[in-house]
Each structure stands twice: as C-alpha cells, then as structure tokens.
N, C-alpha and C. Protein backbone atom coordinates (compact mmCIF):
# COMPACT_ATOMS: atom_id res chain seq x y z
N MET A 1 61.92 18.99 -93.56
CA MET A 1 61.41 17.90 -94.60
C MET A 1 62.11 16.55 -94.68
N LEU A 2 61.42 15.28 -94.40
CA LEU A 2 62.15 13.90 -94.47
C LEU A 2 62.57 13.67 -95.97
N SER A 3 63.58 13.03 -96.46
CA SER A 3 63.86 12.59 -97.57
C SER A 3 62.83 11.70 -97.85
N GLU A 4 62.93 10.99 -99.31
CA GLU A 4 61.93 10.12 -99.76
C GLU A 4 62.37 8.88 -99.29
N ARG A 5 63.63 8.73 -99.24
CA ARG A 5 64.19 7.15 -98.67
C ARG A 5 63.95 7.35 -97.08
N THR A 6 64.06 8.18 -96.28
CA THR A 6 63.92 7.92 -95.02
C THR A 6 62.32 7.87 -94.82
N ALA A 7 61.31 8.57 -95.60
CA ALA A 7 59.94 8.20 -95.22
C ALA A 7 59.38 6.85 -95.78
N ASP A 8 60.26 6.26 -96.69
CA ASP A 8 60.12 4.87 -97.12
C ASP A 8 60.41 3.66 -96.11
N ARG A 9 61.94 4.15 -95.62
CA ARG A 9 62.17 3.35 -94.41
C ARG A 9 61.03 3.53 -93.10
N LEU A 10 60.61 4.57 -93.13
CA LEU A 10 59.68 4.87 -91.81
C LEU A 10 58.24 4.10 -92.16
N ARG A 11 57.89 4.02 -93.31
CA ARG A 11 56.77 3.17 -93.80
C ARG A 11 57.00 1.78 -93.49
N ASP A 12 58.11 1.32 -93.92
CA ASP A 12 58.65 -0.05 -93.79
C ASP A 12 58.41 -0.48 -92.15
N ILE A 13 58.88 0.31 -91.23
CA ILE A 13 58.72 0.09 -89.85
C ILE A 13 57.40 -0.12 -89.48
N ILE A 14 56.63 0.74 -89.87
CA ILE A 14 55.09 0.86 -89.58
C ILE A 14 54.52 -0.51 -90.12
N ASP A 15 54.59 -0.87 -91.49
CA ASP A 15 54.35 -2.13 -91.90
C ASP A 15 54.85 -3.34 -91.34
N ASP A 16 55.97 -3.37 -90.98
CA ASP A 16 56.33 -4.61 -90.38
C ASP A 16 55.98 -4.77 -88.68
N ALA A 17 55.76 -3.58 -88.24
CA ALA A 17 55.36 -3.64 -86.54
C ALA A 17 53.85 -4.08 -86.92
N ARG A 18 53.04 -3.33 -87.99
CA ARG A 18 51.75 -4.00 -87.78
C ARG A 18 51.67 -5.68 -88.30
N ARG A 19 52.68 -6.10 -88.97
CA ARG A 19 52.55 -7.43 -89.11
C ARG A 19 53.06 -8.37 -87.98
N ILE A 20 53.94 -7.60 -87.22
CA ILE A 20 54.22 -8.39 -85.89
C ILE A 20 53.07 -8.38 -84.94
N GLY A 21 52.18 -7.55 -84.98
CA GLY A 21 51.11 -7.15 -84.22
C GLY A 21 50.22 -8.46 -84.70
N ASP A 22 50.01 -8.70 -86.26
CA ASP A 22 49.19 -9.50 -86.50
C ASP A 22 49.47 -10.94 -86.50
N PHE A 23 51.00 -11.42 -86.42
CA PHE A 23 51.32 -12.61 -86.19
C PHE A 23 51.07 -13.07 -84.49
N LEU A 24 51.33 -12.15 -83.58
CA LEU A 24 51.17 -12.21 -82.28
C LEU A 24 49.94 -12.30 -81.76
N GLY A 25 48.93 -11.60 -82.36
CA GLY A 25 47.44 -11.67 -82.14
C GLY A 25 47.16 -11.39 -80.42
N THR A 26 46.72 -12.36 -79.83
CA THR A 26 46.52 -12.45 -78.53
C THR A 26 47.50 -13.44 -77.69
N MET A 27 48.52 -13.68 -78.62
CA MET A 27 49.57 -14.86 -78.02
C MET A 27 50.03 -14.43 -76.50
N THR A 28 50.07 -15.59 -75.72
CA THR A 28 50.98 -15.33 -74.51
C THR A 28 52.20 -15.75 -74.74
N LEU A 29 53.09 -15.41 -73.62
CA LEU A 29 54.84 -15.83 -74.05
C LEU A 29 54.75 -17.42 -74.06
N ASN A 30 53.96 -18.08 -73.47
CA ASN A 30 53.90 -19.60 -73.54
C ASN A 30 53.32 -20.01 -75.19
N ASP A 31 52.51 -19.37 -75.56
CA ASP A 31 52.07 -19.75 -76.79
C ASP A 31 53.20 -19.29 -77.96
N PHE A 32 53.67 -18.31 -77.66
CA PHE A 32 55.00 -17.67 -78.64
C PHE A 32 55.96 -18.50 -78.57
N LEU A 33 56.31 -19.14 -77.56
CA LEU A 33 57.56 -19.99 -77.31
C LEU A 33 57.22 -21.37 -77.98
N ALA A 34 56.00 -21.76 -77.84
CA ALA A 34 55.43 -22.71 -78.58
C ALA A 34 55.28 -23.07 -80.01
N SER A 35 55.23 -22.00 -80.84
CA SER A 35 55.08 -21.70 -82.03
C SER A 35 56.53 -21.14 -82.68
N GLU A 36 57.01 -22.03 -83.20
CA GLU A 36 58.29 -21.67 -83.64
C GLU A 36 58.08 -20.90 -85.02
N ARG A 37 57.08 -21.21 -85.68
CA ARG A 37 56.80 -20.31 -86.99
C ARG A 37 56.69 -19.20 -86.60
N THR A 38 55.81 -18.66 -85.43
CA THR A 38 55.55 -17.29 -85.43
C THR A 38 56.80 -16.60 -84.50
N LEU A 39 57.43 -17.34 -83.84
CA LEU A 39 58.92 -16.90 -83.42
C LEU A 39 59.91 -16.62 -84.64
N PHE A 40 59.81 -17.25 -85.48
CA PHE A 40 61.02 -16.99 -86.48
C PHE A 40 60.17 -16.10 -87.37
N ALA A 41 59.07 -15.76 -87.56
CA ALA A 41 58.31 -14.78 -88.47
C ALA A 41 58.60 -13.36 -87.66
N VAL A 42 58.45 -13.44 -86.33
CA VAL A 42 58.79 -12.05 -85.49
C VAL A 42 60.08 -11.86 -85.62
N GLU A 43 61.06 -12.64 -85.15
CA GLU A 43 62.49 -12.30 -85.18
C GLU A 43 62.87 -11.66 -86.77
N ARG A 44 62.39 -12.36 -87.83
CA ARG A 44 62.53 -11.76 -89.09
C ARG A 44 62.24 -10.12 -89.50
N LEU A 45 60.86 -10.25 -89.10
CA LEU A 45 60.30 -8.82 -89.12
C LEU A 45 61.07 -8.08 -88.35
N LEU A 46 61.58 -8.27 -87.16
CA LEU A 46 62.25 -7.25 -86.05
C LEU A 46 63.64 -7.05 -87.09
N GLN A 47 64.26 -7.85 -87.54
CA GLN A 47 65.58 -7.87 -88.30
C GLN A 47 65.14 -6.71 -89.44
N ARG A 48 64.22 -6.82 -90.10
CA ARG A 48 63.66 -5.86 -91.18
C ARG A 48 63.51 -4.38 -90.53
N MET A 49 62.97 -4.49 -89.59
CA MET A 49 62.73 -3.10 -88.81
C MET A 49 64.08 -2.55 -88.39
N THR A 50 64.86 -3.16 -88.08
CA THR A 50 66.19 -2.64 -87.44
C THR A 50 67.03 -2.32 -88.87
N GLU A 51 66.85 -2.98 -89.76
CA GLU A 51 67.67 -2.69 -91.14
C GLU A 51 67.00 -1.43 -91.64
N ALA A 52 65.67 -1.38 -91.76
CA ALA A 52 64.98 -0.05 -92.17
C ALA A 52 65.48 1.12 -91.28
N ALA A 53 65.59 1.04 -90.16
CA ALA A 53 66.21 2.18 -89.20
C ALA A 53 67.53 2.18 -89.70
N ILE A 54 68.42 1.37 -89.77
CA ILE A 54 69.96 1.74 -90.34
C ILE A 54 70.00 2.61 -91.62
N GLN A 55 69.06 2.31 -92.47
CA GLN A 55 68.98 3.13 -93.76
C GLN A 55 68.47 4.41 -93.65
N ILE A 56 67.83 4.76 -92.62
CA ILE A 56 67.46 6.27 -92.79
C ILE A 56 68.82 7.06 -92.86
N GLU A 57 68.32 7.99 -93.73
CA GLU A 57 69.36 9.29 -94.15
C GLU A 57 70.01 9.75 -92.84
N PRO A 58 71.31 9.74 -92.83
CA PRO A 58 72.12 10.28 -91.64
C PRO A 58 71.60 11.71 -91.39
N LYS A 59 71.09 12.79 -92.14
CA LYS A 59 70.83 13.72 -91.91
C LYS A 59 69.45 13.65 -91.27
N ASP A 60 68.57 12.82 -91.23
CA ASP A 60 67.28 12.55 -90.77
C ASP A 60 67.35 11.70 -89.55
N ALA A 61 68.38 11.19 -89.61
CA ALA A 61 68.38 10.22 -88.28
C ALA A 61 68.77 11.07 -86.84
N GLU A 62 69.71 12.07 -87.30
CA GLU A 62 69.88 13.00 -86.11
C GLU A 62 68.71 13.62 -85.63
N ARG A 63 67.84 14.19 -86.70
CA ARG A 63 66.64 14.74 -86.04
C ARG A 63 65.52 13.90 -85.44
N LEU A 64 65.54 12.58 -85.90
CA LEU A 64 64.60 11.77 -85.30
C LEU A 64 65.13 10.76 -84.35
N SER A 65 66.32 10.84 -83.81
CA SER A 65 67.07 9.96 -82.76
C SER A 65 66.35 10.12 -81.41
N ALA A 66 65.87 11.48 -81.00
CA ALA A 66 64.94 11.17 -79.72
C ALA A 66 63.80 10.65 -79.61
N ALA A 67 63.20 10.51 -80.75
CA ALA A 67 61.89 9.61 -80.92
C ALA A 67 62.18 8.28 -81.38
N LEU A 68 62.94 8.22 -82.30
CA LEU A 68 63.25 6.70 -82.86
C LEU A 68 64.73 6.30 -82.48
N PRO A 69 64.99 5.28 -81.54
CA PRO A 69 66.16 4.80 -80.89
C PRO A 69 66.86 4.16 -82.21
N ILE A 70 67.64 4.66 -83.10
CA ILE A 70 68.02 4.05 -84.24
C ILE A 70 69.33 3.18 -83.60
N ALA A 71 70.01 3.91 -82.72
CA ALA A 71 71.41 3.23 -82.32
C ALA A 71 71.02 1.79 -81.53
N LYS A 72 69.96 1.93 -80.78
CA LYS A 72 69.41 0.86 -80.10
C LYS A 72 68.94 -0.38 -80.98
N MET A 73 68.21 0.11 -82.08
CA MET A 73 67.78 -0.83 -83.14
C MET A 73 68.85 -1.39 -83.85
N ARG A 74 69.77 -0.48 -84.14
CA ARG A 74 70.91 -1.15 -84.80
C ARG A 74 71.56 -2.33 -83.78
N GLY A 75 71.63 -1.98 -82.49
CA GLY A 75 72.49 -3.03 -81.61
C GLY A 75 71.23 -4.41 -81.67
N LEU A 76 70.00 -4.48 -81.84
CA LEU A 76 69.07 -5.38 -81.73
C LEU A 76 69.16 -6.10 -82.83
N GLY A 77 69.46 -5.40 -83.98
CA GLY A 77 69.74 -6.00 -85.34
C GLY A 77 70.75 -6.88 -85.28
N ASN A 78 71.86 -6.45 -84.80
CA ASN A 78 73.07 -7.15 -84.74
C ASN A 78 73.11 -8.32 -83.87
N ARG A 79 72.32 -8.39 -82.81
CA ARG A 79 72.05 -9.37 -81.91
C ARG A 79 71.38 -10.36 -82.83
N LEU A 80 70.15 -10.12 -83.42
CA LEU A 80 69.47 -10.94 -84.12
C LEU A 80 70.12 -11.82 -85.30
N ARG A 81 71.08 -10.82 -85.88
CA ARG A 81 71.98 -11.69 -87.03
C ARG A 81 72.99 -12.23 -86.55
N HIS A 82 73.73 -11.97 -85.36
CA HIS A 82 74.87 -12.65 -85.20
C HIS A 82 74.93 -13.38 -83.96
N GLU A 83 74.14 -13.21 -82.89
CA GLU A 83 73.94 -13.84 -81.72
C GLU A 83 72.63 -14.53 -81.30
N TYR A 84 72.19 -15.12 -82.55
CA TYR A 84 70.68 -15.59 -82.69
C TYR A 84 70.49 -17.04 -81.85
N ARG A 85 71.55 -17.57 -81.54
CA ARG A 85 71.55 -18.93 -80.67
C ARG A 85 71.62 -18.34 -79.24
N ASP A 86 71.96 -17.22 -78.87
CA ASP A 86 71.95 -16.98 -77.61
C ASP A 86 70.70 -15.87 -77.11
N LEU A 87 69.87 -15.58 -77.98
CA LEU A 87 68.70 -14.79 -77.78
C LEU A 87 67.84 -15.29 -76.77
N ASP A 88 67.34 -14.40 -75.69
CA ASP A 88 66.14 -15.12 -74.66
C ASP A 88 65.03 -14.79 -75.52
N ARG A 89 64.57 -15.78 -76.16
CA ARG A 89 63.08 -15.78 -76.42
C ARG A 89 61.96 -14.96 -75.81
N ALA A 90 61.85 -14.79 -74.75
CA ALA A 90 61.15 -14.24 -73.76
C ALA A 90 61.29 -12.60 -74.28
N VAL A 91 62.35 -12.22 -74.35
CA VAL A 91 63.24 -10.92 -74.32
C VAL A 91 62.48 -10.48 -75.67
N VAL A 92 62.68 -11.37 -76.89
CA VAL A 92 62.16 -11.13 -78.01
C VAL A 92 60.66 -10.92 -78.02
N PHE A 93 59.96 -11.55 -77.58
CA PHE A 93 58.30 -11.41 -77.11
C PHE A 93 58.12 -10.20 -76.47
N GLU A 94 58.92 -10.02 -75.74
CA GLU A 94 58.71 -8.33 -74.82
C GLU A 94 58.82 -7.33 -75.76
N ILE A 95 60.03 -7.37 -76.30
CA ILE A 95 60.20 -6.29 -77.38
C ILE A 95 59.26 -6.00 -78.45
N ALA A 96 58.67 -7.29 -78.84
CA ALA A 96 57.62 -7.56 -79.83
C ALA A 96 56.21 -6.75 -79.28
N ARG A 97 55.89 -7.11 -77.94
CA ARG A 97 54.78 -6.76 -77.49
C ARG A 97 55.11 -5.17 -76.92
N ALA A 98 56.11 -4.81 -76.39
CA ALA A 98 55.80 -3.49 -75.98
C ALA A 98 56.55 -2.47 -76.45
N GLU A 99 57.74 -2.78 -77.15
CA GLU A 99 58.75 -1.67 -77.95
C GLU A 99 58.03 -1.53 -79.33
N VAL A 100 57.82 -2.51 -79.97
CA VAL A 100 57.31 -2.40 -81.49
C VAL A 100 56.36 -1.36 -81.61
N PRO A 101 55.36 -1.63 -80.93
CA PRO A 101 54.08 -0.38 -81.15
C PRO A 101 54.67 0.91 -80.90
N ALA A 102 55.38 1.06 -79.85
CA ALA A 102 56.03 2.58 -79.65
C ALA A 102 56.78 2.74 -80.75
N LEU A 103 57.80 2.04 -81.52
CA LEU A 103 58.46 2.47 -82.46
C LEU A 103 57.76 2.59 -83.70
N ALA A 104 56.44 2.08 -84.02
CA ALA A 104 55.52 2.34 -85.09
C ALA A 104 54.90 3.72 -84.98
N ALA A 105 54.58 4.08 -83.71
CA ALA A 105 53.79 5.11 -83.29
C ALA A 105 54.81 6.28 -83.37
N ALA A 106 56.08 6.11 -83.07
CA ALA A 106 57.16 7.02 -83.12
C ALA A 106 57.77 7.28 -84.84
N ALA A 107 57.47 5.92 -85.58
CA ALA A 107 57.86 6.50 -86.88
C ALA A 107 56.60 7.32 -87.49
N GLN A 108 55.31 6.66 -87.34
CA GLN A 108 54.20 7.33 -87.67
C GLN A 108 54.25 8.92 -87.47
N HIS A 109 54.57 9.36 -86.19
CA HIS A 109 54.54 10.58 -86.01
C HIS A 109 55.63 11.36 -86.47
N ALA A 110 56.89 10.78 -86.96
CA ALA A 110 57.99 11.57 -87.86
C ALA A 110 57.55 11.48 -89.17
N LEU A 111 56.55 10.60 -89.69
CA LEU A 111 55.95 10.64 -91.07
C LEU A 111 55.13 12.05 -91.10
N ASP A 112 54.22 12.21 -89.87
CA ASP A 112 53.11 13.11 -90.05
C ASP A 112 53.78 14.49 -89.67
N GLU A 113 54.99 14.56 -88.82
CA GLU A 113 55.63 15.85 -88.69
C GLU A 113 56.57 16.36 -90.03
N GLY A 114 56.99 15.38 -90.81
CA GLY A 114 57.67 15.61 -92.07
C GLY A 114 58.94 15.89 -91.87
C-alpha cells in the first residue's frame, strides 16, 4: 500500500504531465523553440514533476523504481535548476514529448496497483 504522501506526489506527476501535453498540443520542435512562454512553462512543469518524484516516500520509491525512474528524474531536476543555461531545448522538447507521457502512465499504474 502506498503512503498518502506518495499517492499525492504521483497525482502531481500525472497532473503536470497533462499540463505539459496541453501546452505542447501539436507543436513541432520549431514551434516550441519559437514560443518562449511554452518553453518556460514546460521547463517549470518538468521541475515540478522531478520535485514530486524526489518527495516520494523512500519505502515507496524502492518499490516503484523499476517503473518510475526517480534517480533519472532527480538528475533532470538538478539540470533544470542548476544548468538551465546549458540545456539543449530540443532535448527538453523530446523529454516532454516522449518521456513525460510514459512517466504519467507509470505513475497512474502505480496508483492503480496501490
């Protein structure tokens, strides 16, 4: 059984992933790079998702680590916070497009499994 704190953080991940999808819509990479507002919104939502993953209870994190790459998310969060000037925006777009939906699905699966 997941702790309530973990369940809340998983819901945060799912909600922020949905928001990223809403912001991106059908944008291409060029559209994304041209839209500073969207770029900053997506970066901030990615930061929130990484923080939510970090706040998952340690006992739950061990159980979820195969499906939810918490260590990888922590690394991304550090890069977003500390190396923001050196981020490749195309990589941010690719993460938002390809990896975020998979993270949301893994978080939903973890919630469903309890």
